[in-house]
Protein backbone atom coordinates (compact mmCIF):
# COMPACT_ATOMS: atom_id res chain seq x y z
CA UNK A 1 14.29 22.47 28.35
CA UNK A 2 12.83 19.80 26.22
CA UNK A 3 10.75 19.98 23.29
CA UNK A 4 8.05 17.93 21.79
CA UNK A 5 6.02 17.61 18.13
CA UNK A 6 4.26 14.93 16.27
CA UNK A 7 2.64 14.97 13.59
CA UNK A 8 0.68 12.38 10.99
CA UNK A 9 0.15 12.40 6.72
CA UNK A 10 -1.55 9.97 4.74
CA UNK A 11 0.64 7.15 2.84
CA UNK A 12 -2.67 5.25 1.67
CA UNK A 13 -1.69 4.08 -1.89
CA UNK A 14 -4.51 4.35 -4.98
CA UNK A 15 -7.17 1.41 -5.26
CA UNK A 16 -5.75 -1.32 -7.79
CA UNK A 17 -2.45 -1.46 -5.83
CA UNK A 18 -1.08 -5.11 -4.84
CA UNK A 19 -1.30 -6.01 -1.45
CA UNK A 20 1.63 -7.57 -0.07
CA UNK A 21 2.27 -10.67 2.90
CA UNK A 22 1.41 -13.69 1.16
CA UNK A 23 2.83 -15.98 -1.46
CA UNK A 24 0.60 -13.94 -4.38
CA UNK A 25 -0.47 -10.27 -4.74
CA UNK A 26 -3.84 -9.56 -4.00
CA UNK A 27 -5.29 -6.33 -6.08
CA UNK A 28 -6.66 -4.33 -3.58
CA UNK A 29 -10.88 -3.15 -4.78
CA UNK A 30 -10.92 -0.54 -2.03
CA UNK A 31 -10.03 1.31 0.93
CA UNK A 32 -11.37 0.15 4.19
CA UNK A 33 -9.49 2.58 6.57
CA UNK A 34 -6.21 4.82 5.73
CA UNK A 35 -2.32 4.09 6.41
CA UNK A 36 -0.75 6.46 8.20
CA UNK A 37 3.19 7.59 8.96
CA UNK A 38 3.16 9.48 12.19
CA UNK A 39 6.16 11.08 13.37
CA UNK A 40 7.30 12.11 17.07
CA UNK A 41 10.43 14.51 17.55
CA UNK A 42 12.07 15.06 21.00
CA UNK A 43 14.46 17.93 21.18
CA UNK A 44 16.54 18.60 24.53
CA UNK A 45 18.38 21.73 23.17
CA UNK A 46 21.62 19.66 22.03
CA UNK A 47 20.04 16.49 20.49
CA UNK A 48 16.96 15.76 18.33
CA UNK A 49 15.38 12.58 18.47
CA UNK A 50 13.13 11.15 15.30
CA UNK A 51 10.73 8.10 14.99
CA UNK A 52 8.59 7.95 11.70
CA UNK A 53 6.02 4.78 12.34
CA UNK A 54 4.27 3.82 9.16
CA UNK A 55 1.44 1.28 8.22
CA UNK A 56 3.67 -0.60 5.82
CA UNK A 57 4.53 -4.28 5.87
CA UNK A 58 8.15 -3.24 5.47
CA UNK A 59 10.70 -0.24 4.92
CA UNK A 60 13.68 -0.15 2.23
CA UNK A 61 16.64 0.52 3.15
CA UNK A 62 16.94 3.01 -0.35
CA UNK A 63 13.59 4.54 1.26
CA UNK A 64 15.55 5.09 4.67
CA UNK A 65 18.54 6.92 2.89
CA UNK A 66 16.40 8.98 0.57
CA UNK A 67 14.11 10.13 3.39
CA UNK A 68 17.14 10.52 5.87
CA UNK A 69 18.74 13.08 3.51
CA UNK A 70 15.22 14.87 2.39
CA UNK A 71 15.29 15.18 6.60
CA UNK A 72 18.79 16.55 7.20
CA UNK A 73 18.67 19.07 4.13
CA UNK A 74 15.23 20.16 5.66
CA UNK A 75 15.99 20.38 9.37
CA UNK A 76 19.50 19.81 9.74
CA UNK A 77 18.72 16.08 11.92
CA UNK A 78 21.72 13.71 10.98
CA UNK A 79 21.12 10.04 9.74
CA UNK A 80 21.55 8.28 12.89
CA UNK A 81 18.87 10.25 14.94
CA UNK A 82 16.21 9.37 12.42
CA UNK A 83 14.18 5.75 13.37
CA UNK A 84 12.14 5.03 10.36
CA UNK A 85 9.88 1.40 11.29
CA UNK A 86 7.19 -0.48 9.67
CA UNK A 87 4.31 -1.97 11.61
CA UNK A 88 4.29 -4.51 9.01
CA UNK A 89 0.67 -4.96 7.75
CA UNK A 90 -0.19 -7.44 5.70
CA UNK A 91 -3.03 -5.23 4.04
CA UNK A 92 -1.25 -2.16 2.36
CA UNK A 93 1.62 -1.82 -0.73
CA UNK A 94 4.56 -4.01 -1.69
CA UNK A 95 7.76 -1.98 0.21
CA UNK A 96 10.44 -4.57 -0.23
CA UNK A 97 11.14 -7.45 -2.78
CA UNK A 98 11.70 -9.86 -0.49
CA UNK A 99 8.76 -12.65 -1.88
CA UNK A 100 9.63 -12.21 -5.22
CA UNK A 101 7.17 -9.13 -6.03
CA UNK A 102 8.41 -5.64 -6.33
CA UNK A 103 5.87 -2.62 -6.12
CA UNK A 104 4.02 0.40 -7.30
CA UNK A 105 7.11 2.48 -8.78
CA UNK A 106 5.72 6.05 -8.34
CA UNK A 107 4.20 5.40 -4.89
CA UNK A 108 7.39 4.15 -3.77
CA UNK A 109 9.25 7.01 -5.27
CA UNK A 110 6.53 8.93 -3.39
CA UNK A 111 6.85 7.55 -0.12
CA UNK A 112 10.17 9.21 1.03
CA UNK A 113 8.88 12.81 0.44
CA UNK A 114 5.60 11.63 2.43
CA UNK A 115 7.86 10.33 5.39
CA UNK A 116 10.06 12.86 5.37
CA UNK A 117 7.04 15.33 5.43
CA UNK A 118 5.33 13.83 8.28
CA UNK A 119 8.71 14.39 9.90
CA UNK A 120 9.58 17.98 8.88
CA UNK A 121 6.22 18.95 10.19
CA UNK A 122 6.66 16.86 13.62
CA UNK A 123 9.55 19.01 13.99
CA UNK A 124 7.95 22.42 13.37
CA UNK A 125 5.23 21.89 15.73
CA UNK A 126 7.76 21.36 18.50
CA UNK A 127 6.76 23.23 21.78
CA UNK A 128 8.14 22.92 25.37
CA UNK A 129 6.77 19.87 26.50
CA UNK A 130 7.44 17.14 29.02
CA UNK A 131 7.68 13.60 28.41
CA UNK A 132 6.06 10.04 30.41
CA UNK A 133 7.81 7.00 29.94
CA UNK A 134 5.75 3.69 31.26
CA UNK A 135 4.41 0.04 30.97
CA UNK A 136 1.69 -2.13 30.96
CA UNK A 137 0.95 -5.34 30.14
CA UNK A 138 -1.22 -7.30 28.12
CA UNK A 139 -1.11 -11.00 27.73
CA UNK A 140 -4.83 -12.00 26.48
CA UNK A 141 -3.97 -11.13 22.14
CA UNK A 142 -0.48 -12.58 21.23
CA UNK A 143 0.40 -16.20 21.06
CA UNK A 144 3.58 -17.60 19.80
CA UNK A 145 2.85 -19.28 16.72
CA UNK A 146 5.35 -22.11 16.99
CA UNK A 147 4.51 -25.21 18.66
CA UNK A 148 5.99 -28.62 19.41
CA UNK A 149 4.00 -31.76 18.35
CA UNK A 150 3.51 -34.80 19.65
CA UNK A 151 6.16 -36.31 16.62
CA UNK A 152 8.82 -34.18 17.72
CA UNK A 153 8.46 -31.82 14.94
CA UNK A 154 8.10 -27.77 15.44
CA UNK A 155 5.16 -26.65 13.34
CA UNK A 156 4.14 -22.70 12.64
CA UNK A 157 0.54 -22.35 13.08
CA UNK A 158 -0.36 -26.27 13.47
CA UNK A 159 -4.48 -25.19 13.90
CA UNK A 160 -6.89 -23.87 16.53
CA UNK A 161 -7.75 -27.05 18.88
CA UNK A 162 -5.30 -29.51 16.90
CA UNK A 163 -4.61 -32.89 19.48
CA UNK A 164 -0.82 -33.19 18.23
CA UNK A 165 -0.09 -29.68 19.45
CA UNK A 166 2.03 -30.73 23.01
CA UNK A 167 3.38 -26.77 24.19
CA UNK A 168 4.35 -23.58 22.40
CA UNK A 169 8.00 -23.66 21.16
CA UNK A 170 8.43 -20.28 22.52
CA UNK A 171 7.79 -17.60 24.97
CA UNK A 172 5.51 -13.76 23.92
CA UNK A 173 6.46 -10.32 25.61
CA UNK A 174 3.24 -8.87 27.27
CA UNK A 175 4.99 -6.03 27.66
CA UNK A 176 3.32 -2.85 26.36
CA UNK A 177 5.76 0.48 26.43
CA UNK A 178 4.16 4.01 25.64
CA UNK A 179 5.74 7.48 25.32
CA UNK A 180 3.52 10.03 26.60
CA UNK A 181 4.46 13.45 25.04
CA UNK A 182 2.37 16.59 26.67
CA UNK A 183 2.56 20.12 25.99
CA UNK A 184 3.15 23.18 28.90
CA UNK A 185 -0.75 22.67 29.57
CA UNK A 186 -0.13 19.25 29.94
CA UNK A 187 -2.29 18.40 27.23
CA UNK A 188 -1.70 15.25 25.46
CA UNK A 189 0.57 15.66 21.96
CA UNK A 190 1.32 12.09 20.85
CA UNK A 191 0.73 8.43 22.71
CA UNK A 192 3.68 6.41 21.33
CA UNK A 193 3.28 2.49 21.83
CA UNK A 194 5.06 -0.50 21.84
CA UNK A 195 4.01 -4.16 21.33
CA UNK A 196 4.79 -7.16 19.98
CA UNK A 197 2.34 -9.23 17.47
CA UNK A 198 2.51 -9.97 13.89
CA UNK A 199 0.22 -7.25 12.07
CA UNK A 200 -1.49 -9.73 9.75
CA UNK A 201 -5.33 -10.11 11.61
CA UNK A 202 -7.58 -8.49 8.95
CA UNK A 203 -6.61 -10.32 5.37
CA UNK A 204 -9.10 -9.56 2.56
CA UNK A 205 -8.36 -7.27 -0.34
CA UNK A 206 -8.85 -3.83 1.08
CA UNK A 207 -6.55 -1.41 2.16
CA UNK A 208 -5.99 -1.58 5.98
CA UNK A 209 -4.12 -0.49 8.71
CA UNK A 210 -4.44 -3.54 11.21
CA UNK A 211 -5.29 -3.40 14.37
CA UNK A 212 -2.84 -0.10 14.98
CA UNK A 213 -5.83 1.24 13.12
CA UNK A 214 -8.01 0.37 15.41
CA UNK A 215 -5.47 1.14 18.39
CA UNK A 216 -4.87 4.69 17.43
CA UNK A 217 -8.26 5.46 16.67
CA UNK A 218 -9.76 4.05 20.34
CA UNK A 219 -7.15 6.63 21.45
CA UNK A 220 -8.49 9.62 19.71
CA UNK A 221 -11.99 8.67 20.66
CA UNK A 222 -10.68 9.18 24.13
CA UNK A 223 -7.98 11.43 24.25
CA UNK A 224 -9.31 13.46 21.30
CA UNK A 225 -8.68 13.60 17.29
CA UNK A 226 -5.49 15.93 17.53
CA UNK A 227 -3.39 13.28 19.71
CA UNK A 228 -1.14 11.02 17.04
CA UNK A 229 -0.60 7.43 18.07
CA UNK A 230 2.46 5.66 16.61
CA UNK A 231 2.78 2.06 16.85
CA UNK A 232 5.82 0.51 16.90
CA UNK A 233 5.96 -3.52 16.73
CA UNK A 234 8.42 -6.00 18.93
CA UNK A 235 10.37 -8.34 18.18
CA UNK A 236 7.30 -10.78 16.77
CA UNK A 237 8.96 -12.52 14.17
CA UNK A 238 7.57 -15.88 16.24
CA UNK A 239 4.38 -14.29 17.97
CA UNK A 240 1.24 -13.38 16.26
CA UNK A 241 -2.63 -13.45 17.32
CA UNK A 242 -4.21 -17.50 16.96
CA UNK A 243 -5.18 -18.94 20.22
CA UNK A 244 -4.76 -22.58 19.38
CA UNK A 245 -7.01 -23.16 22.58
CA UNK A 246 -9.97 -21.77 20.90
CA UNK A 247 -11.16 -17.65 20.81
CA UNK A 248 -11.98 -17.57 23.73
CA UNK A 249 -13.32 -13.71 24.33
CA UNK A 250 -12.37 -12.98 21.20
CA UNK A 251 -14.55 -12.77 17.88
CA UNK A 252 -15.18 -16.39 16.29
CA UNK A 253 -12.64 -17.32 13.76
CA UNK A 254 -9.72 -15.05 14.99
CA UNK A 255 -9.51 -13.21 11.62
CA UNK A 256 -10.73 -9.82 9.43
CA UNK A 257 -11.78 -6.33 11.18
CA UNK A 258 -13.81 -7.55 13.93
CA UNK A 259 -10.44 -9.18 15.37
CA UNK A 260 -8.90 -6.60 14.86
CA UNK A 261 -10.70 -4.10 16.34
CA UNK A 262 -10.80 -6.35 19.33
CA UNK A 263 -7.16 -6.44 19.71
CA UNK A 264 -6.35 -2.83 19.17
CA UNK A 265 -9.19 -2.07 21.59
CA UNK A 266 -7.94 -3.81 24.10
CA UNK A 267 -4.09 -2.34 23.25
CA UNK A 268 -5.73 1.10 23.66
CA UNK A 269 -7.19 0.55 27.17
CA UNK A 270 -3.94 -0.76 28.29
CA UNK A 271 -2.35 2.61 26.70
CA UNK A 272 -4.33 4.88 27.94
CA UNK A 273 -4.25 3.20 31.66
CA UNK A 274 -0.77 3.43 31.44
CA UNK A 275 -0.39 6.95 30.19
CA UNK A 276 -2.90 8.15 32.93
CA UNK A 277 -0.55 6.64 35.67
CA UNK A 278 2.98 7.80 34.14
CA UNK A 279 4.20 10.84 35.31
CA UNK A 280 6.22 13.40 32.86
CA UNK A 281 9.21 15.20 33.40
CA UNK A 282 11.16 18.08 31.10
CA UNK A 283 14.76 16.61 32.81
CA UNK A 284 15.86 13.81 30.35
CA UNK A 285 19.19 13.23 28.57
CA UNK A 286 18.74 12.64 24.93
CA UNK A 287 21.34 10.57 22.62
CA UNK A 288 21.27 7.71 19.63
CA UNK A 289 24.04 5.61 18.41
CA UNK A 290 24.03 3.60 15.52
CA UNK A 291 25.89 1.06 13.97
CA UNK A 292 25.60 -1.09 10.53
CA UNK A 293 26.36 -5.14 10.42
CA UNK A 294 27.73 -6.67 7.78
CA UNK A 295 25.71 -10.43 7.91
CA UNK A 296 27.05 -13.17 6.36
CA UNK A 297 23.80 -14.79 3.68
CA UNK A 298 23.76 -18.46 4.57
CA UNK A 299 25.23 -21.33 1.64
CA UNK A 300 22.61 -23.44 0.05
CA UNK A 301 23.53 -26.23 -0.37
CA UNK A 302 24.38 -27.95 -3.73
CA UNK A 303 21.85 -30.88 -2.61
CA UNK A 304 19.32 -28.15 -1.96
CA UNK A 305 19.62 -26.46 -5.83
CA UNK A 306 18.83 -29.70 -7.52
CA UNK A 307 15.96 -30.60 -5.75
CA UNK A 308 15.27 -26.93 -6.44
CA UNK A 309 16.15 -27.00 -10.03
CA UNK A 310 14.68 -30.68 -10.89
CA UNK A 311 11.32 -29.76 -9.05
CA UNK A 312 10.94 -26.80 -11.58
CA UNK A 313 11.95 -28.61 -14.61
CA UNK A 314 9.31 -31.63 -13.50
CA UNK A 315 6.75 -29.02 -13.01
CA UNK A 316 7.63 -26.73 -16.85
CA UNK A 317 7.64 -30.18 -18.53
CA UNK A 318 3.99 -31.28 -16.68
CA UNK A 319 2.62 -27.47 -17.66
CA UNK A 320 4.03 -27.81 -21.43
CA UNK A 321 2.59 -31.36 -21.91
CA UNK A 322 -0.78 -30.57 -20.75
CA UNK A 323 -0.87 -27.23 -23.34
CA UNK A 324 0.39 -29.82 -25.83
CA UNK A 325 -2.66 -32.34 -24.87
CA UNK A 326 -5.24 -31.78 -27.14
CA UNK A 327 -7.95 -33.86 -24.51
CA UNK A 328 -6.42 -31.41 -22.20
CA UNK A 329 -9.42 -29.79 -19.94
CA UNK A 330 -9.14 -26.16 -20.17
CA UNK A 331 -10.80 -25.08 -16.98
CA UNK A 332 -8.42 -27.98 -14.95
CA UNK A 333 -7.43 -27.48 -11.15
CA UNK A 334 -4.74 -24.96 -10.14
CA UNK A 335 -1.64 -26.85 -8.82
CA UNK A 336 -2.40 -28.01 -5.38
CA UNK A 337 -1.47 -26.18 -2.19
CA UNK A 338 1.84 -28.13 -1.67
CA UNK A 339 2.89 -28.00 -5.32
CA UNK A 340 2.17 -24.28 -5.41
CA UNK A 341 4.64 -23.78 -1.74
CA UNK A 342 7.40 -26.48 -2.77
CA UNK A 343 7.60 -24.61 -6.38
CA UNK A 344 7.42 -20.89 -4.45
CA UNK A 345 10.34 -22.59 -2.00
CA UNK A 346 12.32 -23.80 -4.73
CA UNK A 347 12.54 -20.46 -6.79
CA UNK A 348 13.43 -18.97 -3.72
CA UNK A 349 16.21 -21.05 -2.81
CA UNK A 350 17.48 -20.01 -6.14
CA UNK A 351 17.18 -16.71 -5.33
CA UNK A 352 18.91 -16.41 -2.34
CA UNK A 353 21.78 -18.82 -3.99
CA UNK A 354 21.94 -15.97 -6.68
CA UNK A 355 21.88 -13.33 -4.32
CA UNK A 356 24.80 -14.74 -2.61
CA UNK A 357 27.25 -15.10 -5.77
CA UNK A 358 26.50 -11.32 -5.81
CA UNK A 359 27.15 -10.26 -2.21
CA UNK A 360 28.12 -12.55 0.38
CA UNK A 361 26.50 -10.57 3.22
CA UNK A 362 23.86 -8.22 3.74
CA UNK A 363 23.88 -4.75 5.57
CA UNK A 364 21.66 -4.38 8.46
CA UNK A 365 21.63 -1.29 10.93
CA UNK A 366 21.37 -1.23 14.69
CA UNK A 367 20.03 1.91 15.99
CA UNK A 368 19.46 3.34 19.61
CA UNK A 369 18.13 6.02 21.24
CA UNK A 370 18.65 7.02 24.70
CA UNK A 371 15.80 8.93 26.12
CA UNK A 372 16.62 9.92 30.04
CA UNK A 373 16.56 6.21 31.79
CA UNK A 374 14.97 4.33 29.29
CA UNK A 375 15.98 2.99 26.07
CA UNK A 376 14.54 2.15 22.29
CA UNK A 377 16.69 -0.30 20.52
CA UNK A 378 15.58 -0.44 16.75
CA UNK A 379 16.62 -3.42 14.44
CA UNK A 380 16.15 -4.51 10.59
CA UNK A 381 14.85 -7.80 10.84
CA UNK A 382 11.76 -10.05 12.01
CA UNK A 383 13.26 -10.88 14.96
CA UNK A 384 12.50 -13.69 16.99
CA UNK A 385 10.69 -12.49 20.59
CA UNK A 386 13.85 -14.45 22.54
CA UNK A 387 15.92 -11.73 21.16
CA UNK A 388 14.04 -8.74 22.26
CA UNK A 389 13.42 -10.08 25.49
CA UNK A 390 17.50 -10.61 25.75
CA UNK A 391 18.16 -6.83 24.75
CA UNK A 392 15.23 -5.98 27.40
CA UNK A 393 17.23 -8.07 30.01
CA UNK A 394 20.78 -7.21 28.96
CA UNK A 395 20.40 -3.40 28.73
CA UNK A 396 21.66 -0.58 31.36
CA UNK A 397 18.15 1.28 30.84
CA UNK A 398 14.91 0.49 31.92
CA UNK A 399 12.28 0.31 30.63
CA UNK A 400 14.17 -0.73 27.14
CA UNK A 401 11.70 -0.93 24.11
CA UNK A 402 12.56 -2.73 20.65
CA UNK A 403 11.34 -2.34 17.45
CA UNK A 404 11.67 -4.23 14.60
CA UNK A 405 11.65 -3.72 11.27
CA UNK A 406 13.40 -0.42 11.18
CA UNK A 407 15.56 1.13 8.78
CA UNK A 408 15.12 -1.60 6.21
CA UNK A 409 13.99 -5.37 6.19
CA UNK A 410 16.66 -8.28 6.28
CA UNK A 411 13.75 -11.01 7.03
CA UNK A 412 13.24 -13.55 9.23
CA UNK A 413 15.98 -13.64 12.08
CA UNK A 414 15.08 -17.24 14.30
CA UNK A 415 17.23 -18.26 17.19
CA UNK A 416 19.72 -21.38 16.10
CA UNK A 417 18.08 -24.10 17.70
CA UNK A 418 14.59 -22.67 15.61
CA UNK A 419 16.30 -24.12 12.23
CA UNK A 420 15.13 -26.65 10.36
CA UNK A 421 11.77 -26.73 11.68
CA UNK A 422 8.48 -24.67 10.74
CA UNK A 423 8.01 -21.76 8.40
CA UNK A 424 10.34 -18.88 9.61
CA UNK A 425 13.93 -20.44 8.94
CA UNK A 426 12.83 -21.74 5.59
CA UNK A 427 15.08 -20.67 3.27
CA UNK A 428 14.32 -17.46 1.18
CA UNK A 429 14.51 -14.09 0.79
CA UNK A 430 12.17 -13.06 3.21
CA UNK A 431 14.39 -15.71 5.37
CA UNK A 432 18.02 -15.54 4.51
CA UNK A 433 20.66 -15.01 7.01
CA UNK A 434 23.17 -17.19 8.98
CA UNK A 435 21.63 -18.33 11.85
CA UNK A 436 23.88 -16.41 14.34
CA UNK A 437 22.21 -13.48 12.87
CA UNK A 438 20.10 -12.84 16.34
CA UNK A 439 23.11 -12.97 18.39
CA UNK A 440 24.85 -10.37 16.28
CA UNK A 441 22.03 -8.26 16.64
CA UNK A 442 21.86 -8.46 20.43
CA UNK A 443 25.77 -8.29 20.78
CA UNK A 444 25.52 -4.86 18.60
CA UNK A 445 22.29 -3.32 20.74
CA UNK A 446 24.08 -4.17 24.10
CA UNK A 447 27.18 -2.58 22.92
CA UNK A 448 25.49 0.36 21.68
CA UNK A 449 23.32 0.84 24.80
CA UNK A 450 26.86 0.11 27.09
CA UNK A 451 27.96 3.16 25.23
CA UNK A 452 25.06 5.35 25.67
CA UNK A 453 24.85 4.63 29.21
CA UNK A 454 29.24 5.44 29.57
CA UNK A 455 28.85 8.12 27.67
């Protein structure tokens, strides 16, 4: 007998909270739409599986451990059966220090209880029900953001209609996955949605859940407001929403709330269609497995560190000289974009080197859920799409869904071939692991899937 449960809680921070996602914080000046933690619970009488999807940019490992402790204390579900992921919005609070900024400590201290509260509420709403597992396809809203250029380089987001673009440097993953949870009367309780595209569409300084928020509201407009709609982002480290060939049917500019609404509506339409065509069953076997890897932090070459120190010393000297110059314009322009970026990465390289001196390896938890003939694979990285596709192709379960930025955040994990070119592999606290990190995450995921298949 299968039982299903679902619940959501608001996790919107106060107005004035700095917003994460870019090189510098933006102070929020309002709330466009609320942020949520949406939780689903499956219980086959022997195993309980929990997934909580949070409208956050990332998840701290300490937050996960504390939330799991609270959940186990309240309802007895062990940590390896509890997955917590971020939708990766760029208009929410800081929840990691990967780009050198902290967060609102009072809010961060409260988050574990809010997330645990959603999980416990979902657990206590369990009732006899059924589950449907299905897949759809959306190809119009996601694009590989790395491109081969005429000069032989690879650039991230080289610009719309750039004549020097030759071709995308990698694929996309157009699969849309759903878990359809219904009660004994066949009423929809939750529609879990998995897709692969960066959640950085709206921008600005208003708190917003971006396109996953529009997805949830569009589903609820059709299926009813009580339906819980968790969104699980796939391996989208090199995937975003920008069509370099031009907007096509998308809103002009390909940014802002209008574009997020367009994307969310398209995803909702395909999710609703897939849901309607997906049969349900109460005969599913549930299982979970987890393994925490230790992945080396990359070594920063001495010459790169020397160059970083030299750059910072030069910029500091220039600032000091300008302050001491009585003829200097007090309203002089801020440093140029290129100077600012290079200073950022100089400090970032030194930060990675300092971290490596303290801890040469970073923990990375890989977690897998078996749900009948299907599987969900959780990883803590901004994983490149090629790795997600490899997991799906190598899995003994079909369908297999991949969820990134779950249970922690170790930053970008590019393919080995991607190193040296583009934004994502550039050394920083947000991209610090060795080139073989992705292969190790894939191998561990497939190993755990094999264990669940053999059990």
